[in-house]
Amino acid sequence: MGSALIGLAAAVVGVTGTLVASVLSQRLTARVQAEQFTRQQQVAETQWLREQRVVELTRRREGYTNANAAIRRYRTHLLNFLWIVHKDAVTAEARETVEEARRDHHSVLAEAQMVASGAVLAELNDMTKSLSETYRRIMCLEEGDPDPDGSFDEIRGDFARIWEQWEKMLGAMRADLGVEDRPAAPAMSAAATSAP
């Protein structure tokens, strides 16, 4: 009977080993698959986050580029209109050109405000206040009711300050976009504010 028990014990151990191996194999396979699934999810999430950062950066770059162009265009039209006022040659067409640049500036600025960082938004708002104040001063001069410090030459001086503000705003935009610093744009010359 001893060998029969040994045979039975060996058979029980063999069957148990086979069953346990099958269960352990399934669990090991399930664990490996779960780890692969988790890795795939992490890779997919990382890729999605990277794509979202690229989309966000692209939106900010486009917003900043458009805002920068609109500000420069508005500034140029304001300066040209100041010279037209100085020459006493204001026409409805000249006034409409300034108003169109102003509307374009407001429209583009509204878009940029939705994507701008806090630092850039502060610079955009400061620039808009300066341009609006200069617009107001030019219109008062054109209507014959200038501010006490609202002569042609004094208003023309506003444009040098606006240029400096623009450089600061541009620096904030470039920093927000991660663009490396390069030498600053040359300072606005007297010739740039002297004639259209």
C-alpha atoms as a PDB file:
ATOM      1  CA  MET A   1       0.000   0.000   0.000  1.00  0.00           C
ATOM      2  CA  GLY A   2       2.915   2.279   0.459  1.00  0.00           C
ATOM      3  CA  SER A   3       3.686   2.469  -3.225  1.00  0.00           C
ATOM      4  CA  ALA A   4       0.015   3.025  -4.040  1.00  0.00           C
ATOM      5  CA  LEU A   5      -0.051   5.985  -1.660  1.00  0.00           C
ATOM      6  CA  ILE A   6       3.139   7.299  -3.127  1.00  0.00           C
ATOM      7  CA  GLY A   7       1.670   6.961  -6.619  1.00  0.00           C
ATOM      8  CA  LEU A   8      -1.543   8.638  -5.528  1.00  0.00           C
ATOM      9  CA  ALA A   9       0.384  11.451  -3.822  1.00  0.00           C
ATOM     10  CA  ALA A  10       2.506  11.901  -6.977  1.00  0.00           C
ATOM     11  CA  ALA A  11      -0.621  12.016  -9.118  1.00  0.00           C
ATOM     12  CA  VAL A  12      -2.283  14.576  -6.804  1.00  0.00           C
ATOM     13  CA  VAL A  13       0.889  16.711  -6.806  1.00  0.00           C
ATOM     14  CA  GLY A  14       1.137  16.452 -10.615  1.00  0.00           C
ATOM     15  CA  VAL A  15      -2.511  17.378 -11.205  1.00  0.00           C
ATOM     16  CA  THR A  16      -2.314  20.175  -8.631  1.00  0.00           C
ATOM     17  CA  GLY A  17       0.900  21.495 -10.235  1.00  0.00           C
ATOM     18  CA  THR A  18      -0.729  21.455 -13.665  1.00  0.00           C
ATOM     19  CA  LEU A  19      -3.802  23.294 -12.383  1.00  0.00           C
ATOM     20  CA  VAL A  20      -1.752  25.797 -10.377  1.00  0.00           C
ATOM     21  CA  ALA A  21       0.582  26.401 -13.338  1.00  0.00           C
ATOM     22  CA  SER A  22      -2.412  27.142 -15.532  1.00  0.00           C
ATOM     23  CA  VAL A  23      -3.846  29.617 -13.004  1.00  0.00           C
ATOM     24  CA  LEU A  24      -0.444  31.246 -12.406  1.00  0.00           C
ATOM     25  CA  SER A  25       0.154  31.478 -16.131  1.00  0.00           C
ATOM     26  CA  GLN A  26      -3.190  33.208 -16.636  1.00  0.00           C
ATOM     27  CA  ARG A  27      -2.490  35.623 -13.802  1.00  0.00           C
ATOM     28  CA  LEU A  28       0.990  36.388 -15.099  1.00  0.00           C
ATOM     29  CA  THR A  29      -0.402  36.948 -18.602  1.00  0.00           C
ATOM     30  CA  ALA A  30      -3.136  39.205 -17.191  1.00  0.00           C
ATOM     31  CA  ARG A  31      -0.569  41.215 -15.191  1.00  0.00           C
ATOM     32  CA  VAL A  32       1.682  41.643 -18.239  1.00  0.00           C
ATOM     33  CA  GLN A  33      -1.296  42.727 -20.342  1.00  0.00           C
ATOM     34  CA  ALA A  34      -2.422  45.174 -17.643  1.00  0.00           C
ATOM     35  CA  GLU A  35       1.086  46.657 -17.474  1.00  0.00           C
ATOM     36  CA  GLN A  36       1.188  46.974 -21.278  1.00  0.00           C
ATOM     37  CA  PHE A  37      -2.230  48.624 -21.282  1.00  0.00           C
ATOM     38  CA  THR A  38      -1.117  51.066 -18.565  1.00  0.00           C
ATOM     39  CA  ARG A  39       2.054  51.898 -20.525  1.00  0.00           C
ATOM     40  CA  GLN A  40       0.028  52.415 -23.700  1.00  0.00           C
ATOM     41  CA  GLN A  41      -2.349  54.723 -21.812  1.00  0.00           C
ATOM     42  CA  GLN A  42       0.588  56.690 -20.400  1.00  0.00           C
ATOM     43  CA  VAL A  43       2.166  56.993 -23.855  1.00  0.00           C
ATOM     44  CA  ALA A  44      -1.173  58.062 -25.367  1.00  0.00           C
ATOM     45  CA  GLU A  45      -1.746  60.614 -22.592  1.00  0.00           C
ATOM     46  CA  THR A  46       1.781  61.985 -22.947  1.00  0.00           C
ATOM     47  CA  GLN A  47       1.315  62.251 -26.704  1.00  0.00           C
ATOM     48  CA  TRP A  48      -2.064  64.001 -26.240  1.00  0.00           C
ATOM     49  CA  LEU A  49      -0.553  66.481 -23.767  1.00  0.00           C
ATOM     50  CA  ARG A  50       2.333  67.164 -26.164  1.00  0.00           C
ATOM     51  CA  GLU A  51      -0.120  67.759 -29.012  1.00  0.00           C
ATOM     52  CA  GLN A  52      -2.207  70.069 -26.809  1.00  0.00           C
ATOM     53  CA  ARG A  53       0.899  72.094 -25.936  1.00  0.00           C
ATOM     54  CA  VAL A  54       1.745  72.414 -29.634  1.00  0.00           C
ATOM     55  CA  VAL A  55      -1.833  73.502 -30.422  1.00  0.00           C
ATOM     56  CA  GLU A  56      -1.772  76.028 -27.557  1.00  0.00           C
ATOM     57  CA  LEU A  57       1.613  77.386 -28.636  1.00  0.00           C
ATOM     58  CA  THR A  58       0.397  77.698 -32.222  1.00  0.00           C
ATOM     59  CA  ARG A  59      -2.743  79.540 -31.108  1.00  0.00           C
ATOM     60  CA  ARG A  60      -0.706  81.948 -28.971  1.00  0.00           C
ATOM     61  CA  ARG A  61       1.830  82.501 -31.746  1.00  0.00           C
ATOM     62  CA  GLU A  62      -0.942  83.281 -34.242  1.00  0.00           C
ATOM     63  CA  GLY A  63      -2.710  85.550 -31.749  1.00  0.00           C
ATOM     64  CA  TYR A  64       0.497  87.417 -30.931  1.00  0.00           C
ATOM     65  CA  THR A  65       1.478  87.727 -34.581  1.00  0.00           C
ATOM     66  CA  ASN A  66      -1.933  89.106 -35.519  1.00  0.00           C
ATOM     67  CA  ALA A  67      -2.011  91.469 -32.539  1.00  0.00           C
ATOM     68  CA  ASN A  68       1.491  92.709 -33.283  1.00  0.00           C
ATOM     69  CA  ALA A  69       0.610  93.384 -36.927  1.00  0.00           C
ATOM     70  CA  ALA A  70      -2.655  95.137 -35.993  1.00  0.00           C
ATOM     71  CA  ILE A  71      -0.912  97.324 -33.408  1.00  0.00           C
ATOM     72  CA  ARG A  72       1.790  98.327 -35.887  1.00  0.00           C
ATOM     73  CA  ARG A  73      -0.799  99.063 -38.564  1.00  0.00           C
ATOM     74  CA  TYR A  74      -2.934 101.108 -36.161  1.00  0.00           C
ATOM     75  CA  ARG A  75       0.121 103.027 -34.932  1.00  0.00           C
ATOM     76  CA  THR A  76       1.182 103.782 -38.511  1.00  0.00           C
ATOM     77  CA  HIS A  77      -2.290 105.002 -39.482  1.00  0.00           C
ATOM     78  CA  LEU A  78      -2.493 107.135 -36.346  1.00  0.00           C
ATOM     79  CA  LEU A  79       0.858 108.735 -37.145  1.00  0.00           C
ATOM     80  CA  ASN A  80      -0.168 109.331 -40.752  1.00  0.00           C
ATOM     81  CA  PHE A  81      -3.448 110.874 -39.592  1.00  0.00           C
ATOM     82  CA  LEU A  82      -1.570 113.136 -37.166  1.00  0.00           C
ATOM     83  CA  TRP A  83       0.448 114.439 -40.118  1.00  0.00           C
ATOM     84  CA  ILE A  84      -2.731 114.924 -42.146  1.00  0.00           C
ATOM     85  CA  VAL A  85      -4.229 116.899 -39.242  1.00  0.00           C
ATOM     86  CA  HIS A  86      -1.019 118.945 -39.010  1.00  0.00           C
ATOM     87  CA  LYS A  87      -1.228 119.741 -42.740  1.00  0.00           C
ATOM     88  CA  ASP A  88      -4.934 120.603 -42.292  1.00  0.00           C
ATOM     89  CA  ALA A  89      -5.811 118.100 -45.038  1.00  0.00           C
ATOM     90  CA  VAL A  90      -8.252 115.771 -43.227  1.00  0.00           C
ATOM     91  CA  THR A  91     -10.648 113.953 -45.537  1.00  0.00           C
ATOM     92  CA  ALA A  92     -13.414 111.469 -44.894  1.00  0.00           C
ATOM     93  CA  GLU A  93     -11.219 108.818 -46.502  1.00  0.00           C
ATOM     94  CA  ALA A  94      -8.297 109.584 -44.163  1.00  0.00           C
ATOM     95  CA  ARG A  95     -10.603 109.435 -41.141  1.00  0.00           C
ATOM     96  CA  GLU A  96     -12.113 106.130 -42.342  1.00  0.00           C
ATOM     97  CA  THR A  97      -8.615 104.645 -42.793  1.00  0.00           C
ATOM     98  CA  VAL A  98      -7.817 105.375 -39.146  1.00  0.00           C
ATOM     99  CA  GLU A  99     -11.180 104.062 -37.989  1.00  0.00           C
ATOM    100  CA  GLU A 100     -10.725 100.861 -39.974  1.00  0.00           C
ATOM    101  CA  ALA A 101      -7.279 100.300 -38.442  1.00  0.00           C
ATOM    102  CA  ARG A 102      -8.780 101.003 -35.018  1.00  0.00           C
ATOM    103  CA  ARG A 103     -11.614  98.493 -35.517  1.00  0.00           C
ATOM    104  CA  ASP A 104      -9.162  95.896 -36.825  1.00  0.00           C
ATOM    105  CA  HIS A 105      -6.934  96.477 -33.800  1.00  0.00           C
ATOM    106  CA  HIS A 106      -9.865  95.975 -31.397  1.00  0.00           C
ATOM    107  CA  SER A 107     -11.009  92.829 -33.186  1.00  0.00           C
ATOM    108  CA  VAL A 108      -7.576  91.228 -33.287  1.00  0.00           C
ATOM    109  CA  LEU A 109      -6.877  92.271 -29.703  1.00  0.00           C
ATOM    110  CA  ALA A 110     -10.068  90.559 -28.545  1.00  0.00           C
ATOM    111  CA  GLU A 111      -8.836  87.302 -30.070  1.00  0.00           C
ATOM    112  CA  ALA A 112      -5.348  87.670 -28.597  1.00  0.00           C
ATOM    113  CA  GLN A 113      -6.789  88.333 -25.132  1.00  0.00           C
ATOM    114  CA  MET A 114      -8.319  84.847 -25.147  1.00  0.00           C
ATOM    115  CA  VAL A 115      -4.957  83.090 -25.563  1.00  0.00           C
ATOM    116  CA  ALA A 116      -2.421  85.503 -24.077  1.00  0.00           C
ATOM    117  CA  SER A 117      -0.477  84.744 -20.933  1.00  0.00           C
ATOM    118  CA  GLY A 118      -0.927  87.097 -17.990  1.00  0.00           C
ATOM    119  CA  ALA A 119       2.325  88.965 -18.709  1.00  0.00           C
ATOM    120  CA  VAL A 120       1.470  89.434 -22.380  1.00  0.00           C
ATOM    121  CA  LEU A 121      -2.111  90.406 -21.589  1.00  0.00           C
ATOM    122  CA  ALA A 122      -0.859  93.170 -19.281  1.00  0.00           C
ATOM    123  CA  GLU A 123       1.405  94.489 -22.057  1.00  0.00           C
ATOM    124  CA  LEU A 124      -1.398  94.305 -24.630  1.00  0.00           C
ATOM    125  CA  ASN A 125      -3.725  96.215 -22.318  1.00  0.00           C
ATOM    126  CA  ASP A 126      -1.088  98.896 -21.643  1.00  0.00           C
ATOM    127  CA  MET A 127      -0.420  99.240 -25.357  1.00  0.00           C
ATOM    128  CA  THR A 128      -4.130  99.554 -26.109  1.00  0.00           C
ATOM    129  CA  LYS A 129      -4.523 102.258 -23.452  1.00  0.00           C
ATOM    130  CA  SER A 130      -1.620 104.210 -24.950  1.00  0.00           C
ATOM    131  CA  LEU A 131      -2.948 103.902 -28.485  1.00  0.00           C
ATOM    132  CA  SER A 132      -6.459 104.873 -27.346  1.00  0.00           C
ATOM    133  CA  GLU A 133      -5.157 107.922 -25.512  1.00  0.00           C
ATOM    134  CA  THR A 134      -3.088 108.968 -28.524  1.00  0.00           C
ATOM    135  CA  TYR A 135      -6.129 108.481 -30.763  1.00  0.00           C
ATOM    136  CA  ARG A 136      -8.181 110.668 -28.420  1.00  0.00           C
ATOM    137  CA  ARG A 137      -5.518 113.385 -28.366  1.00  0.00           C
ATOM    138  CA  ILE A 138      -5.246 113.404 -32.157  1.00  0.00           C
ATOM    139  CA  MET A 139      -9.015 113.634 -32.547  1.00  0.00           C
ATOM    140  CA  CYS A 140      -9.158 116.539 -30.071  1.00  0.00           C
ATOM    141  CA  LEU A 141      -6.418 118.300 -32.050  1.00  0.00           C
ATOM    142  CA  GLU A 142      -8.271 117.630 -35.310  1.00  0.00           C
ATOM    143  CA  GLU A 143     -11.507 119.038 -33.859  1.00  0.00           C
ATOM    144  CA  GLY A 144      -9.713 122.217 -32.770  1.00  0.00           C
ATOM    145  CA  ASP A 145      -9.994 121.466 -29.052  1.00  0.00           C
ATOM    146  CA  PRO A 146      -6.564 120.056 -28.137  1.00  0.00           C
ATOM    147  CA  ASP A 147      -5.479 119.061 -24.649  1.00  0.00           C
ATOM    148  CA  PRO A 148      -3.210 121.604 -22.891  1.00  0.00           C
ATOM    149  CA  ASP A 149      -0.286 119.350 -23.831  1.00  0.00           C
ATOM    150  CA  GLY A 150      -1.885 118.273 -27.109  1.00  0.00           C
ATOM    151  CA  SER A 151       0.122 120.113 -29.728  1.00  0.00           C
ATOM    152  CA  PHE A 152       1.332 118.354 -32.854  1.00  0.00           C
ATOM    153  CA  ASP A 153       4.882 118.060 -31.504  1.00  0.00           C
ATOM    154  CA  GLU A 154       3.745 116.793 -28.105  1.00  0.00           C
ATOM    155  CA  ILE A 155       1.484 114.166 -29.648  1.00  0.00           C
ATOM    156  CA  ARG A 156       4.268 113.189 -32.033  1.00  0.00           C
ATOM    157  CA  GLY A 157       6.376 112.505 -28.933  1.00  0.00           C
ATOM    158  CA  ASP A 158       3.739 109.974 -27.828  1.00  0.00           C
ATOM    159  CA  PHE A 159       4.779 107.760 -30.727  1.00  0.00           C
ATOM    160  CA  ALA A 160       8.331 107.383 -29.401  1.00  0.00           C
ATOM    161  CA  ARG A 161       6.868 106.189 -26.081  1.00  0.00           C
ATOM    162  CA  ILE A 162       4.495 103.856 -27.925  1.00  0.00           C
ATOM    163  CA  TRP A 163       7.490 102.423 -29.799  1.00  0.00           C
ATOM    164  CA  GLU A 164       9.260 101.710 -26.493  1.00  0.00           C
ATOM    165  CA  GLN A 165       6.083 100.125 -25.146  1.00  0.00           C
ATOM    166  CA  TRP A 166       5.815  98.024 -28.302  1.00  0.00           C
ATOM    167  CA  GLU A 167       9.367  96.722 -27.779  1.00  0.00           C
ATOM    168  CA  LYS A 168       8.496  95.737 -24.211  1.00  0.00           C
ATOM    169  CA  MET A 169       5.275  94.038 -25.375  1.00  0.00           C
ATOM    170  CA  LEU A 170       7.145  92.207 -28.126  1.00  0.00           C
ATOM    171  CA  GLY A 171       9.705  91.004 -25.580  1.00  0.00           C
ATOM    172  CA  ALA A 172       6.912  89.617 -23.382  1.00  0.00           C
ATOM    173  CA  MET A 173       5.367  87.836 -26.373  1.00  0.00           C
ATOM    174  CA  ARG A 174       8.688  86.317 -27.419  1.00  0.00           C
ATOM    175  CA  ALA A 175       9.443  85.198 -23.862  1.00  0.00           C
ATOM    176  CA  ASP A 176       6.005  83.593 -23.579  1.00  0.00           C
ATOM    177  CA  LEU A 177       6.609  81.698 -26.813  1.00  0.00           C
ATOM    178  CA  GLY A 178      10.060  80.576 -25.664  1.00  0.00           C
ATOM    179  CA  VAL A 179      11.863  82.468 -28.417  1.00  0.00           C
ATOM    180  CA  GLU A 180      15.508  83.148 -27.673  1.00  0.00           C
ATOM    181  CA  ASP A 181      16.532  86.719 -27.051  1.00  0.00           C
ATOM    182  CA  ARG A 182      18.205  88.544 -29.857  1.00  0.00           C
ATOM    183  CA  PRO A 183      19.440  92.096 -30.095  1.00  0.00           C
ATOM    184  CA  ALA A 184      16.635  94.599 -29.603  1.00  0.00           C
ATOM    185  CA  ALA A 185      15.150  96.401 -32.566  1.00  0.00           C
ATOM    186  CA  PRO A 186      16.826  99.730 -33.158  1.00  0.00           C
ATOM    187  CA  ALA A 187      15.253 102.633 -31.331  1.00  0.00           C
ATOM    188  CA  MET A 188      12.738 104.666 -33.246  1.00  0.00           C
ATOM    189  CA  SER A 189      14.572 107.420 -35.034  1.00  0.00           C
ATOM    190  CA  ALA A 190      13.437 111.011 -35.277  1.00  0.00           C
ATOM    191  CA  ALA A 191      12.881 110.458 -39.008  1.00  0.00           C
ATOM    192  CA  ALA A 192      10.337 107.749 -38.224  1.00  0.00           C
ATOM    193  CA  THR A 193       8.171 110.237 -36.345  1.00  0.00           C
ATOM    194  CA  SER A 194       8.828 113.252 -38.507  1.00  0.00           C
ATOM    195  CA  ALA A 195       7.061 112.469 -41.762  1.00  0.00           C
ATOM    196  CA  PRO A 196       4.652 109.881 -43.072  1.00  0.00           C
END
